[in-house]
Amino acid sequence: MRQEAVMQAWRGHLARLAPKRLTPSRLLHEDTQSVRLAWSAQVAVEQQLVRLVEWSRKITGADAVCLSGGVALNCSANGRLDGAVFCPPVPHDGGVAPGAAWTVRRPALPERMDPFLGSSLRGEVPVDLRAVDLDLDRVVDLLVGGAVGAVAVGRAEVGPRALGHRSLIAMPSVEGVRDRINVAKSREAWRPLAPVSLASTAARFWEVKDPLQRYMLGATAVTDHAREVMREAVHVDGTARAQIVADDDSPFARILTRMERAGLPPVLINTSLNALGEPIAHSVDDVLRTYEQCALDFLILEDRLIVRE
């Protein structure tokens, strides 16, 4: 009863602040009052998170801070934090369940948490799609030409952020590519897209905040160089929800390395492989359906390449 009373009080307070309710067909940014309310809520979250982290460090004497829960998905707020800050790959309100399991049976701690714990790619590729062996040089040529494609390999990400196993990719220097992706996915026009680069090259484009950026969980200021070469992935306030990937044999790393060798800025747009109202694609059927719904130009499916004719 007490929780319901608190919620009811908040509903009344917010109704007084913004008495006009938006219909589902209208977007938030079309109403000035709603924009102001949303902005003030965001600022309040950022300020309080900074204070909570400062308070936690003061009472514990420890500098390293771990964030979880749904609020830890707020990249702008996380980006305001200094020092050692860690978020698990899947920070959300269901964290109570893993926490309870942890108390009963503490797992062995890996060097890094693996975000790729979702379903593997199951299903067959139709013969008429004419999949060929993956050619990274051709992929780079397609991207330079303005193509928007997808990567689907291995097991899917378990969280809401695509980190390279179920991702939609494009060159952030191609004018208009952000709008094309947003239209294809029915996203609001004002929503930014995330850039991704190698751990060895990311500092050219933004202020690196590791480990937050391993899981695309911290906004950061971009460099002047980035404003020139990845303008389609820079938000209006000069920040980006950036991601870094290890210099390894993952598909993202291989593509970015090939771009670097070709004299191109090693940075890509990365957003989730899904259409409006759908979760991130998991199976081959999911991936192919999204490929068609979003009218993508090419698809990397494990070690095969499909190019739209």
C-alpha atoms as a PDB file:
ATOM      1  CA  MET A   1       0.000   0.000   0.000  1.00  0.00           C
ATOM      2  CA  ARG A   2       2.795   2.416   0.834  1.00  0.00           C
ATOM      3  CA  GLN A   3       4.479   1.824  -2.542  1.00  0.00           C
ATOM      4  CA  GLU A   4       1.198   2.423  -4.372  1.00  0.00           C
ATOM      5  CA  ALA A   5       0.657   5.642  -2.410  1.00  0.00           C
ATOM      6  CA  VAL A   6       4.120   6.875  -3.364  1.00  0.00           C
ATOM      7  CA  MET A   7       3.500   6.045  -7.032  1.00  0.00           C
ATOM      8  CA  GLN A   8       0.152   7.804  -6.948  1.00  0.00           C
ATOM      9  CA  ALA A   9       1.757  10.903  -5.441  1.00  0.00           C
ATOM     10  CA  TRP A  10       4.356  10.941  -8.219  1.00  0.00           C
ATOM     11  CA  ARG A  11       1.650  10.547 -10.880  1.00  0.00           C
ATOM     12  CA  GLY A  12      -0.177  13.532  -9.439  1.00  0.00           C
ATOM     13  CA  HIS A  13       2.997  15.598  -9.284  1.00  0.00           C
ATOM     14  CA  LEU A  14       3.926  14.824 -12.896  1.00  0.00           C
ATOM     15  CA  ALA A  15       0.364  15.494 -14.047  1.00  0.00           C
ATOM     16  CA  ARG A  16       0.584  18.978 -12.550  1.00  0.00           C
ATOM     17  CA  LEU A  17       3.888  19.576 -14.307  1.00  0.00           C
ATOM     18  CA  ALA A  18       2.658  18.269 -17.661  1.00  0.00           C
ATOM     19  CA  PRO A  19      -1.139  18.077 -17.659  1.00  0.00           C
ATOM     20  CA  LYS A  20      -1.371  17.542 -21.420  1.00  0.00           C
ATOM     21  CA  ARG A  21      -0.997  13.875 -22.347  1.00  0.00           C
ATOM     22  CA  LEU A  22       0.533  12.942 -25.679  1.00  0.00           C
ATOM     23  CA  THR A  23      -1.304  10.524 -27.937  1.00  0.00           C
ATOM     24  CA  PRO A  24       0.726   7.454 -29.032  1.00  0.00           C
ATOM     25  CA  SER A  25       0.956   8.840 -32.558  1.00  0.00           C
ATOM     26  CA  ARG A  26       2.836  11.933 -31.409  1.00  0.00           C
ATOM     27  CA  LEU A  27       6.510  11.963 -30.595  1.00  0.00           C
ATOM     28  CA  LEU A  28       7.889  13.416 -27.396  1.00  0.00           C
ATOM     29  CA  HIS A  29      10.017  16.004 -29.181  1.00  0.00           C
ATOM     30  CA  GLU A  30       6.941  17.545 -30.836  1.00  0.00           C
ATOM     31  CA  ASP A  31       5.777  18.993 -27.518  1.00  0.00           C
ATOM     32  CA  THR A  32       7.934  21.688 -25.887  1.00  0.00           C
ATOM     33  CA  GLN A  33       6.589  21.067 -22.396  1.00  0.00           C
ATOM     34  CA  SER A  34       7.308  17.353 -22.617  1.00  0.00           C
ATOM     35  CA  VAL A  35      10.823  18.029 -23.876  1.00  0.00           C
ATOM     36  CA  ARG A  36      11.500  20.313 -20.923  1.00  0.00           C
ATOM     37  CA  LEU A  37      10.129  17.769 -18.476  1.00  0.00           C
ATOM     38  CA  ALA A  38      12.230  14.966 -19.967  1.00  0.00           C
ATOM     39  CA  TRP A  39      15.338  17.149 -19.982  1.00  0.00           C
ATOM     40  CA  SER A  40      14.886  18.175 -16.352  1.00  0.00           C
ATOM     41  CA  ALA A  41      14.450  14.523 -15.339  1.00  0.00           C
ATOM     42  CA  GLN A  42      17.650  13.593 -17.189  1.00  0.00           C
ATOM     43  CA  VAL A  43      19.616  16.402 -15.532  1.00  0.00           C
ATOM     44  CA  ALA A  44      18.309  15.347 -12.111  1.00  0.00           C
ATOM     45  CA  VAL A  45      19.384  11.737 -12.700  1.00  0.00           C
ATOM     46  CA  GLU A  46      22.868  12.830 -13.791  1.00  0.00           C
ATOM     47  CA  GLN A  47      23.343  15.116 -10.795  1.00  0.00           C
ATOM     48  CA  GLN A  48      22.100  12.553  -8.276  1.00  0.00           C
ATOM     49  CA  LEU A  49      24.196   9.738  -9.736  1.00  0.00           C
ATOM     50  CA  VAL A  50      27.345  11.845  -9.425  1.00  0.00           C
ATOM     51  CA  ARG A  51      26.456  12.600  -5.796  1.00  0.00           C
ATOM     52  CA  LEU A  52      25.697   8.958  -5.004  1.00  0.00           C
ATOM     53  CA  VAL A  53      29.023   7.814  -6.442  1.00  0.00           C
ATOM     54  CA  GLU A  54      30.895  10.496  -4.510  1.00  0.00           C
ATOM     55  CA  TRP A  55      29.063   9.494  -1.328  1.00  0.00           C
ATOM     56  CA  SER A  56      29.748   5.785  -1.904  1.00  0.00           C
ATOM     57  CA  ARG A  57      33.454   6.431  -2.362  1.00  0.00           C
ATOM     58  CA  LYS A  58      33.563   8.585   0.752  1.00  0.00           C
ATOM     59  CA  ILE A  59      31.919   6.052   3.075  1.00  0.00           C
ATOM     60  CA  THR A  60      33.760   3.003   1.691  1.00  0.00           C
ATOM     61  CA  GLY A  61      37.168   4.494   0.976  1.00  0.00           C
ATOM     62  CA  ALA A  62      37.160   2.582  -2.319  1.00  0.00           C
ATOM     63  CA  ASP A  63      37.530   4.282  -5.676  1.00  0.00           C
ATOM     64  CA  ALA A  64      36.134   1.461  -7.850  1.00  0.00           C
ATOM     65  CA  VAL A  65      32.369   1.675  -8.287  1.00  0.00           C
ATOM     66  CA  CYS A  66      29.975  -0.856  -9.828  1.00  0.00           C
ATOM     67  CA  LEU A  67      26.626   0.293 -11.217  1.00  0.00           C
ATOM     68  CA  SER A  68      23.648  -1.891 -12.068  1.00  0.00           C
ATOM     69  CA  GLY A  69      19.883  -1.676 -12.387  1.00  0.00           C
ATOM     70  CA  GLY A  70      17.990  -0.004 -15.200  1.00  0.00           C
ATOM     71  CA  VAL A  71      19.414   3.449 -14.478  1.00  0.00           C
ATOM     72  CA  ALA A  72      22.886   2.113 -15.296  1.00  0.00           C
ATOM     73  CA  LEU A  73      21.799   1.983 -18.953  1.00  0.00           C
ATOM     74  CA  ASN A  74      21.757   5.790 -18.905  1.00  0.00           C
ATOM     75  CA  CYS A  75      24.889   6.483 -20.937  1.00  0.00           C
ATOM     76  CA  SER A  76      24.823  10.251 -20.454  1.00  0.00           C
ATOM     77  CA  ALA A  77      24.714   9.908 -16.677  1.00  0.00           C
ATOM     78  CA  ASN A  78      27.448   7.254 -16.645  1.00  0.00           C
ATOM     79  CA  GLY A  79      29.603   9.461 -18.839  1.00  0.00           C
ATOM     80  CA  ARG A  80      29.694  12.142 -16.146  1.00  0.00           C
ATOM     81  CA  LEU A  81      31.419   9.827 -13.681  1.00  0.00           C
ATOM     82  CA  ASP A  82      35.169   9.924 -13.150  1.00  0.00           C
ATOM     83  CA  GLY A  83      37.515   7.248 -11.905  1.00  0.00           C
ATOM     84  CA  ALA A  84      37.045   3.497 -11.977  1.00  0.00           C
ATOM     85  CA  VAL A  85      33.422   2.785 -12.921  1.00  0.00           C
ATOM     86  CA  PHE A  86      32.141  -0.613 -14.043  1.00  0.00           C
ATOM     87  CA  CYS A  87      28.754  -1.727 -15.365  1.00  0.00           C
ATOM     88  CA  PRO A  88      27.905  -5.323 -16.229  1.00  0.00           C
ATOM     89  CA  PRO A  89      26.932  -5.956 -19.856  1.00  0.00           C
ATOM     90  CA  VAL A  90      23.256  -6.243 -18.899  1.00  0.00           C
ATOM     91  CA  PRO A  91      22.384  -3.670 -16.242  1.00  0.00           C
ATOM     92  CA  HIS A  92      18.630  -3.772 -15.720  1.00  0.00           C
ATOM     93  CA  ASP A  93      16.003  -4.031 -13.014  1.00  0.00           C
ATOM     94  CA  GLY A  94      16.075  -7.836 -13.147  1.00  0.00           C
ATOM     95  CA  GLY A  95      19.507  -7.732 -11.508  1.00  0.00           C
ATOM     96  CA  VAL A  96      17.995  -8.851  -8.209  1.00  0.00           C
ATOM     97  CA  ALA A  97      17.699 -12.399  -9.589  1.00  0.00           C
ATOM     98  CA  PRO A  98      21.393 -12.779 -10.564  1.00  0.00           C
ATOM     99  CA  GLY A  99      22.319 -11.117  -7.284  1.00  0.00           C
ATOM    100  CA  ALA A 100      20.321 -13.675  -5.314  1.00  0.00           C
ATOM    101  CA  ALA A 101      21.945 -16.506  -7.252  1.00  0.00           C
ATOM    102  CA  TRP A 102      25.357 -14.950  -6.600  1.00  0.00           C
ATOM    103  CA  THR A 103      24.822 -15.028  -2.831  1.00  0.00           C
ATOM    104  CA  VAL A 104      23.973 -18.746  -2.965  1.00  0.00           C
ATOM    105  CA  ARG A 105      26.749 -19.820  -5.338  1.00  0.00           C
ATOM    106  CA  ARG A 106      29.431 -17.283  -6.104  1.00  0.00           C
ATOM    107  CA  PRO A 107      30.773 -17.867  -9.627  1.00  0.00           C
ATOM    108  CA  ALA A 108      34.404 -17.901 -10.643  1.00  0.00           C
ATOM    109  CA  LEU A 109      35.280 -14.394 -11.746  1.00  0.00           C
ATOM    110  CA  PRO A 110      36.383 -14.147 -15.382  1.00  0.00           C
ATOM    111  CA  GLU A 111      38.827 -11.514 -16.554  1.00  0.00           C
ATOM    112  CA  ARG A 112      35.965  -9.954 -18.504  1.00  0.00           C
ATOM    113  CA  MET A 113      32.247 -10.576 -18.433  1.00  0.00           C
ATOM    114  CA  ASP A 114      30.904 -12.160 -21.612  1.00  0.00           C
ATOM    115  CA  PRO A 115      27.867 -10.348 -23.049  1.00  0.00           C
ATOM    116  CA  PHE A 116      27.324 -12.994 -25.740  1.00  0.00           C
ATOM    117  CA  LEU A 117      25.204 -15.481 -23.840  1.00  0.00           C
ATOM    118  CA  GLY A 118      22.119 -15.418 -26.049  1.00  0.00           C
ATOM    119  CA  SER A 119      20.973 -17.926 -28.654  1.00  0.00           C
ATOM    120  CA  SER A 120      23.298 -19.172 -31.348  1.00  0.00           C
ATOM    121  CA  LEU A 121      22.420 -18.771 -35.017  1.00  0.00           C
ATOM    122  CA  ARG A 122      20.040 -21.592 -35.812  1.00  0.00           C
ATOM    123  CA  GLY A 123      18.476 -22.153 -39.207  1.00  0.00           C
ATOM    124  CA  GLU A 124      19.338 -22.441 -42.873  1.00  0.00           C
ATOM    125  CA  VAL A 125      20.021 -19.738 -45.454  1.00  0.00           C
ATOM    126  CA  PRO A 126      17.760 -20.037 -48.535  1.00  0.00           C
ATOM    127  CA  VAL A 127      19.701 -20.953 -51.670  1.00  0.00           C
ATOM    128  CA  ASP A 128      18.208 -18.062 -53.642  1.00  0.00           C
ATOM    129  CA  LEU A 129      20.016 -15.529 -51.437  1.00  0.00           C
ATOM    130  CA  ARG A 130      23.303 -16.616 -53.049  1.00  0.00           C
ATOM    131  CA  ALA A 131      25.532 -16.414 -50.004  1.00  0.00           C
ATOM    132  CA  VAL A 132      29.252 -16.414 -50.846  1.00  0.00           C
ATOM    133  CA  ASP A 133      32.401 -16.702 -48.767  1.00  0.00           C
ATOM    134  CA  LEU A 134      33.023 -13.610 -46.673  1.00  0.00           C
ATOM    135  CA  ASP A 135      35.264 -11.081 -48.443  1.00  0.00           C
ATOM    136  CA  LEU A 136      36.234  -8.234 -46.101  1.00  0.00           C
ATOM    137  CA  ASP A 137      37.625  -6.104 -48.919  1.00  0.00           C
ATOM    138  CA  ARG A 138      34.230  -6.229 -50.593  1.00  0.00           C
ATOM    139  CA  VAL A 139      32.533  -5.340 -47.313  1.00  0.00           C
ATOM    140  CA  VAL A 140      34.742  -2.272 -46.932  1.00  0.00           C
ATOM    141  CA  ASP A 141      34.012  -1.253 -50.541  1.00  0.00           C
ATOM    142  CA  LEU A 142      30.279  -1.564 -49.865  1.00  0.00           C
ATOM    143  CA  LEU A 143      30.536   0.557 -46.717  1.00  0.00           C
ATOM    144  CA  VAL A 144      32.583   3.254 -48.466  1.00  0.00           C
ATOM    145  CA  GLY A 145      29.910   3.338 -51.172  1.00  0.00           C
ATOM    146  CA  GLY A 146      27.264   4.181 -48.585  1.00  0.00           C
ATOM    147  CA  ALA A 147      25.845   0.707 -48.015  1.00  0.00           C
ATOM    148  CA  VAL A 148      24.085  -0.198 -44.772  1.00  0.00           C
ATOM    149  CA  GLY A 149      24.571  -3.798 -43.716  1.00  0.00           C
ATOM    150  CA  ALA A 150      24.363  -6.207 -40.831  1.00  0.00           C
ATOM    151  CA  VAL A 151      26.582  -8.581 -38.901  1.00  0.00           C
ATOM    152  CA  ALA A 152      25.156 -11.764 -37.380  1.00  0.00           C
ATOM    153  CA  VAL A 153      27.659 -14.193 -35.892  1.00  0.00           C
ATOM    154  CA  GLY A 154      27.883 -16.614 -32.985  1.00  0.00           C
ATOM    155  CA  ARG A 155      25.686 -16.242 -29.922  1.00  0.00           C
ATOM    156  CA  ALA A 156      23.577 -13.122 -29.533  1.00  0.00           C
ATOM    157  CA  GLU A 157      24.023 -10.364 -26.974  1.00  0.00           C
ATOM    158  CA  VAL A 158      21.932 -10.830 -23.838  1.00  0.00           C
ATOM    159  CA  GLY A 159      21.311  -7.142 -23.237  1.00  0.00           C
ATOM    160  CA  PRO A 160      19.583  -4.350 -25.158  1.00  0.00           C
ATOM    161  CA  ARG A 161      22.809  -3.119 -26.761  1.00  0.00           C
ATOM    162  CA  ALA A 162      24.164  -4.717 -29.908  1.00  0.00           C
ATOM    163  CA  LEU A 163      27.912  -5.201 -29.444  1.00  0.00           C
ATOM    164  CA  GLY A 164      28.939  -6.865 -32.689  1.00  0.00           C
ATOM    165  CA  HIS A 165      27.137 -10.200 -32.888  1.00  0.00           C
ATOM    166  CA  ARG A 166      23.729  -8.857 -33.977  1.00  0.00           C
ATOM    167  CA  SER A 167      24.562  -5.411 -35.315  1.00  0.00           C
ATOM    168  CA  LEU A 168      23.589  -3.055 -38.091  1.00  0.00           C
ATOM    169  CA  ILE A 169      26.618  -1.206 -39.469  1.00  0.00           C
ATOM    170  CA  ALA A 170      27.467   1.701 -41.776  1.00  0.00           C
ATOM    171  CA  MET A 171      30.154   4.305 -42.409  1.00  0.00           C
ATOM    172  CA  PRO A 172      29.610   7.339 -40.141  1.00  0.00           C
ATOM    173  CA  SER A 173      31.179   9.672 -42.720  1.00  0.00           C
ATOM    174  CA  VAL A 174      28.485   9.009 -45.350  1.00  0.00           C
ATOM    175  CA  GLU A 175      26.102  11.955 -45.403  1.00  0.00           C
ATOM    176  CA  GLY A 176      22.518  11.024 -44.611  1.00  0.00           C
ATOM    177  CA  VAL A 177      23.252   7.498 -43.401  1.00  0.00           C
ATOM    178  CA  ARG A 178      21.917   8.255 -39.915  1.00  0.00           C
ATOM    179  CA  ASP A 179      18.556   9.314 -41.320  1.00  0.00           C
ATOM    180  CA  ARG A 180      18.423   6.270 -43.562  1.00  0.00           C
ATOM    181  CA  ILE A 181      19.017   3.926 -40.624  1.00  0.00           C
ATOM    182  CA  ASN A 182      16.512   5.711 -38.417  1.00  0.00           C
ATOM    183  CA  VAL A 183      13.863   5.521 -41.130  1.00  0.00           C
ATOM    184  CA  ALA A 184      14.621   1.842 -41.799  1.00  0.00           C
ATOM    185  CA  LYS A 185      14.224   1.032 -38.106  1.00  0.00           C
ATOM    186  CA  SER A 186      11.382   3.556 -37.524  1.00  0.00           C
ATOM    187  CA  ARG A 187      13.477   5.345 -34.895  1.00  0.00           C
ATOM    188  CA  GLU A 188      12.915   8.974 -33.972  1.00  0.00           C
ATOM    189  CA  ALA A 189      14.938  11.303 -36.203  1.00  0.00           C
ATOM    190  CA  TRP A 190      16.712  12.932 -33.263  1.00  0.00           C
ATOM    191  CA  ARG A 191      18.099   9.690 -31.843  1.00  0.00           C
ATOM    192  CA  PRO A 192      21.892   9.362 -32.268  1.00  0.00           C
ATOM    193  CA  LEU A 193      23.713   6.265 -33.450  1.00  0.00           C
ATOM    194  CA  ALA A 194      26.693   4.749 -31.681  1.00  0.00           C
ATOM    195  CA  PRO A 195      30.222   4.674 -33.119  1.00  0.00           C
ATOM    196  CA  VAL A 196      32.543   1.724 -32.607  1.00  0.00           C
ATOM    197  CA  SER A 197      36.326   1.542 -32.969  1.00  0.00           C
ATOM    198  CA  LEU A 198      39.238  -0.613 -31.902  1.00  0.00           C
ATOM    199  CA  ALA A 199      40.734  -0.272 -28.443  1.00  0.00           C
ATOM    200  CA  SER A 200      44.003   0.730 -30.137  1.00  0.00           C
ATOM    201  CA  THR A 201      42.434   3.524 -32.228  1.00  0.00           C
ATOM    202  CA  ALA A 202      39.435   4.783 -30.247  1.00  0.00           C
ATOM    203  CA  ALA A 203      41.346   7.659 -28.630  1.00  0.00           C
ATOM    204  CA  ARG A 204      41.542   9.342 -32.036  1.00  0.00           C
ATOM    205  CA  PHE A 205      37.791   9.772 -31.956  1.00  0.00           C
ATOM    206  CA  TRP A 206      36.692  10.163 -28.327  1.00  0.00           C
ATOM    207  CA  GLU A 207      37.732  10.170 -24.697  1.00  0.00           C
ATOM    208  CA  VAL A 208      38.131   6.494 -23.856  1.00  0.00           C
ATOM    209  CA  LYS A 209      36.387   5.275 -20.710  1.00  0.00           C
ATOM    210  CA  ASP A 210      37.227   1.625 -20.261  1.00  0.00           C
ATOM    211  CA  PRO A 211      35.457  -0.605 -19.232  1.00  0.00           C
ATOM    212  CA  LEU A 212      32.186   1.328 -19.683  1.00  0.00           C
ATOM    213  CA  GLN A 213      32.677   1.522 -23.418  1.00  0.00           C
ATOM    214  CA  ARG A 214      33.210  -2.222 -23.825  1.00  0.00           C
ATOM    215  CA  TYR A 215      29.450  -2.557 -23.447  1.00  0.00           C
ATOM    216  CA  MET A 216      28.401   0.814 -24.921  1.00  0.00           C
ATOM    217  CA  LEU A 217      27.395   2.170 -21.513  1.00  0.00           C
ATOM    218  CA  GLY A 218      29.103   5.553 -21.305  1.00  0.00           C
ATOM    219  CA  ALA A 219      28.671   8.696 -23.367  1.00  0.00           C
ATOM    220  CA  THR A 220      31.857  10.633 -24.028  1.00  0.00           C
ATOM    221  CA  ALA A 221      33.100  13.807 -25.672  1.00  0.00           C
ATOM    222  CA  VAL A 222      34.381  13.377 -29.214  1.00  0.00           C
ATOM    223  CA  THR A 223      37.533  14.854 -30.717  1.00  0.00           C
ATOM    224  CA  ASP A 224      37.711  17.476 -33.459  1.00  0.00           C
ATOM    225  CA  HIS A 225      38.919  14.735 -35.786  1.00  0.00           C
ATOM    226  CA  ALA A 226      35.791  12.724 -35.015  1.00  0.00           C
ATOM    227  CA  ARG A 227      33.539  15.638 -35.930  1.00  0.00           C
ATOM    228  CA  GLU A 228      35.045  15.459 -39.396  1.00  0.00           C
ATOM    229  CA  VAL A 229      35.150  11.717 -40.036  1.00  0.00           C
ATOM    230  CA  MET A 230      32.161  10.361 -38.063  1.00  0.00           C
ATOM    231  CA  ARG A 231      29.709  13.250 -38.058  1.00  0.00           C
ATOM    232  CA  GLU A 232      26.705  10.934 -38.564  1.00  0.00           C
ATOM    233  CA  ALA A 233      27.453   9.321 -35.170  1.00  0.00           C
ATOM    234  CA  VAL A 234      28.005  12.519 -33.142  1.00  0.00           C
ATOM    235  CA  HIS A 235      25.139  13.832 -31.040  1.00  0.00           C
ATOM    236  CA  VAL A 236      24.147  17.499 -31.131  1.00  0.00           C
ATOM    237  CA  ASP A 237      25.929  18.116 -27.816  1.00  0.00           C
ATOM    238  CA  GLY A 238      29.270  16.860 -29.158  1.00  0.00           C
ATOM    239  CA  THR A 239      29.128  13.491 -27.431  1.00  0.00           C
ATOM    240  CA  ALA A 240      28.775   9.914 -28.611  1.00  0.00           C
ATOM    241  CA  ARG A 241      27.588   6.678 -26.999  1.00  0.00           C
ATOM    242  CA  ALA A 242      30.817   5.016 -28.017  1.00  0.00           C
ATOM    243  CA  GLN A 243      31.913   1.401 -28.039  1.00  0.00           C
ATOM    244  CA  ILE A 244      35.409  -0.061 -28.074  1.00  0.00           C
ATOM    245  CA  VAL A 245      36.259  -3.564 -29.272  1.00  0.00           C
ATOM    246  CA  ALA A 246      39.411  -5.539 -28.644  1.00  0.00           C
ATOM    247  CA  ASP A 247      42.002  -5.902 -31.389  1.00  0.00           C
ATOM    248  CA  ASP A 248      41.185  -9.555 -31.951  1.00  0.00           C
ATOM    249  CA  ASP A 249      39.637 -11.858 -34.553  1.00  0.00           C
ATOM    250  CA  SER A 250      36.020 -10.767 -34.066  1.00  0.00           C
ATOM    251  CA  PRO A 251      34.128  -9.620 -37.190  1.00  0.00           C
ATOM    252  CA  PHE A 252      34.066  -5.993 -36.029  1.00  0.00           C
ATOM    253  CA  ALA A 253      37.790  -5.986 -35.311  1.00  0.00           C
ATOM    254  CA  ARG A 254      38.587  -7.570 -38.659  1.00  0.00           C
ATOM    255  CA  ILE A 255      36.486  -5.036 -40.592  1.00  0.00           C
ATOM    256  CA  LEU A 256      37.915  -2.081 -38.668  1.00  0.00           C
ATOM    257  CA  THR A 257      41.466  -3.360 -39.132  1.00  0.00           C
ATOM    258  CA  ARG A 258      40.866  -3.745 -42.863  1.00  0.00           C
ATOM    259  CA  MET A 259      39.569  -0.156 -42.990  1.00  0.00           C
ATOM    260  CA  GLU A 260      42.702   1.060 -41.220  1.00  0.00           C
ATOM    261  CA  ARG A 261      44.916  -0.760 -43.702  1.00  0.00           C
ATOM    262  CA  ALA A 262      42.970   0.833 -46.550  1.00  0.00           C
ATOM    263  CA  GLY A 263      43.721   4.310 -45.160  1.00  0.00           C
ATOM    264  CA  LEU A 264      40.185   4.852 -43.859  1.00  0.00           C
ATOM    265  CA  PRO A 265      39.272   6.062 -40.355  1.00  0.00           C
ATOM    266  CA  PRO A 266      38.683   2.813 -38.414  1.00  0.00           C
ATOM    267  CA  VAL A 267      35.268   3.701 -37.032  1.00  0.00           C
ATOM    268  CA  LEU A 268      31.770   2.400 -37.826  1.00  0.00           C
ATOM    269  CA  ILE A 269      28.192   3.064 -36.847  1.00  0.00           C
ATOM    270  CA  ASN A 270      26.829   0.229 -34.730  1.00  0.00           C
ATOM    271  CA  THR A 271      23.177  -0.171 -33.802  1.00  0.00           C
ATOM    272  CA  SER A 272      21.009  -3.156 -32.976  1.00  0.00           C
ATOM    273  CA  LEU A 273      19.794  -5.547 -35.651  1.00  0.00           C
ATOM    274  CA  ASN A 274      16.052  -5.310 -35.157  1.00  0.00           C
ATOM    275  CA  ALA A 275      13.009  -3.569 -36.603  1.00  0.00           C
ATOM    276  CA  LEU A 276      10.459  -1.417 -34.780  1.00  0.00           C
ATOM    277  CA  GLY A 277       8.966  -3.122 -31.728  1.00  0.00           C
ATOM    278  CA  GLU A 278      11.068  -6.268 -32.060  1.00  0.00           C
ATOM    279  CA  PRO A 279      13.884  -7.614 -29.875  1.00  0.00           C
ATOM    280  CA  ILE A 280      17.391  -8.019 -31.261  1.00  0.00           C
ATOM    281  CA  ALA A 281      17.438 -10.757 -33.889  1.00  0.00           C
ATOM    282  CA  HIS A 282      18.648 -14.148 -32.666  1.00  0.00           C
ATOM    283  CA  SER A 283      18.011 -16.961 -35.137  1.00  0.00           C
ATOM    284  CA  VAL A 284      18.798 -17.036 -38.854  1.00  0.00           C
ATOM    285  CA  ASP A 285      15.089 -16.513 -39.586  1.00  0.00           C
ATOM    286  CA  ASP A 286      15.062 -13.428 -37.301  1.00  0.00           C
ATOM    287  CA  VAL A 287      18.133 -12.032 -39.021  1.00  0.00           C
ATOM    288  CA  LEU A 288      16.817 -12.596 -42.549  1.00  0.00           C
ATOM    289  CA  ARG A 289      13.439 -11.079 -41.683  1.00  0.00           C
ATOM    290  CA  THR A 290      15.125  -7.962 -40.296  1.00  0.00           C
ATOM    291  CA  TYR A 291      17.411  -7.835 -43.337  1.00  0.00           C
ATOM    292  CA  GLU A 292      14.310  -7.612 -45.536  1.00  0.00           C
ATOM    293  CA  GLN A 293      12.257  -5.329 -43.271  1.00  0.00           C
ATOM    294  CA  CYS A 294      15.057  -2.778 -43.048  1.00  0.00           C
ATOM    295  CA  ALA A 295      16.000  -3.187 -46.747  1.00  0.00           C
ATOM    296  CA  LEU A 296      19.680  -3.618 -45.897  1.00  0.00           C
ATOM    297  CA  ASP A 297      22.302  -3.731 -48.627  1.00  0.00           C
ATOM    298  CA  PHE A 298      24.350  -6.655 -47.331  1.00  0.00           C
ATOM    299  CA  LEU A 299      24.483  -9.207 -44.554  1.00  0.00           C
ATOM    300  CA  ILE A 300      27.420 -10.974 -42.919  1.00  0.00           C
ATOM    301  CA  LEU A 301      26.086 -14.282 -41.634  1.00  0.00           C
ATOM    302  CA  GLU A 302      28.871 -16.145 -39.836  1.00  0.00           C
ATOM    303  CA  ASP A 303      31.541 -16.618 -42.545  1.00  0.00           C
ATOM    304  CA  ARG A 304      29.156 -15.956 -45.440  1.00  0.00           C
ATOM    305  CA  LEU A 305      28.235 -12.731 -47.242  1.00  0.00           C
ATOM    306  CA  ILE A 306      24.879 -11.891 -48.809  1.00  0.00           C
ATOM    307  CA  VAL A 307      24.668  -8.792 -51.020  1.00  0.00           C
ATOM    308  CA  ARG A 308      21.382  -7.402 -52.265  1.00  0.00           C
ATOM    309  CA  GLU A 309      21.293  -7.342 -56.051  1.00  0.00           C
END
